[in-house]
Protein backbone atom coordinates (compact mmCIF):
# COMPACT_ATOMS: atom_id res chain seq x y z
CA MET A 1 -12.64 2.39 -6.22
CA PRO A 2 -8.95 2.08 -5.31
CA ILE A 3 -6.65 -0.60 -6.47
CA TYR A 4 -4.97 -2.41 -3.68
CA GLU A 5 -2.03 -4.72 -3.52
CA PHE A 6 -2.24 -8.09 -1.81
CA LYS A 7 0.07 -10.89 -0.89
CA CYS A 8 -0.87 -14.49 -0.48
CA ASP A 9 0.28 -16.06 2.89
CA SER A 10 0.15 -19.51 1.34
CA CYS A 11 2.20 -19.27 -1.88
CA GLY A 12 3.72 -15.69 -1.56
CA LYS A 13 2.16 -14.39 -4.90
CA GLU A 14 1.53 -10.61 -5.05
CA PHE A 15 -1.46 -9.28 -6.95
CA GLU A 16 -3.64 -6.21 -7.40
CA ARG A 17 -7.38 -5.93 -7.07
CA LEU A 18 -9.87 -3.21 -7.77
CA VAL A 19 -11.80 -3.11 -4.29
CA PHE A 20 -15.18 -1.51 -3.82
CA ALA A 21 -16.00 0.16 -0.57
CA SER A 22 -18.78 -2.29 0.12
CA ASP A 23 -16.49 -5.31 -0.31
CA ASN A 24 -15.63 -6.98 3.02
CA ASN A 25 -14.63 -10.34 1.68
CA ALA A 26 -11.12 -11.80 1.81
CA GLU A 27 -9.36 -11.64 -1.60
CA THR A 28 -8.68 -14.97 -3.27
CA CYS A 29 -5.08 -15.70 -4.65
CA PRO A 30 -5.21 -16.07 -8.45
CA ASP A 31 -2.40 -18.69 -8.32
CA CYS A 32 -3.28 -21.15 -5.64
CA GLY A 33 -6.90 -20.04 -4.69
CA SER A 34 -6.19 -19.43 -1.05
CA ASP A 35 -8.14 -16.82 0.85
CA GLN A 36 -5.26 -16.28 3.29
CA THR A 37 -4.21 -12.95 1.79
CA HIS A 38 -3.43 -9.61 3.24
CA LYS A 39 -3.07 -5.92 1.93
CA VAL A 40 0.47 -4.71 1.44
CA MET A 41 1.65 -1.11 1.21
CA SER A 42 2.33 -0.33 -2.46
CA VAL A 43 5.55 1.17 -3.74
CA PHE A 44 3.71 4.25 -4.73
CA SER A 45 2.20 4.76 -1.33
CA SER A 46 5.51 4.42 0.48
CA ASN A 47 7.36 6.66 -2.02
CA ALA A 48 4.59 9.27 -1.57
CA LEU A 49 4.89 8.98 2.30
CA GLU A 50 8.69 9.50 2.12
CA ARG A 51 8.27 12.56 -0.19
CA GLN A 52 5.60 14.07 2.23
CA ALA A 53 7.85 13.46 5.32
CA ALA A 54 10.82 15.04 3.49
CA SER A 55 8.69 18.12 2.42
CA CYS A 56 7.43 18.52 6.10
CA ALA A 57 10.98 18.38 7.43
CA GLY A 58 12.25 20.84 4.90
CA SER A 59 9.55 23.31 5.73
CA HIS A 60 10.11 23.19 9.55
CA GLY A 61 13.97 22.99 9.19
CA GLY A 62 15.05 26.26 11.04
CA GLY A 63 16.19 28.22 7.99
CA GLY A 64 17.28 31.06 10.34
CA GLY A 65 19.70 32.94 8.04
CA GLY A 66 20.72 35.52 10.40
């Protein structure tokens, strides 16, 4: 049961929701009640991706030493 971040297309509010795998419904904005929302990449996710990319680049970085 991951927590996803959403952004409302109507008012711009960002909010989090605990989403179950069986949930297929659009999330409703807690401020304006709009169902015009979309998932956004969380700060944690983007930082984790950057660290993963950096560690992969470091492990393949031609440390010849010769």
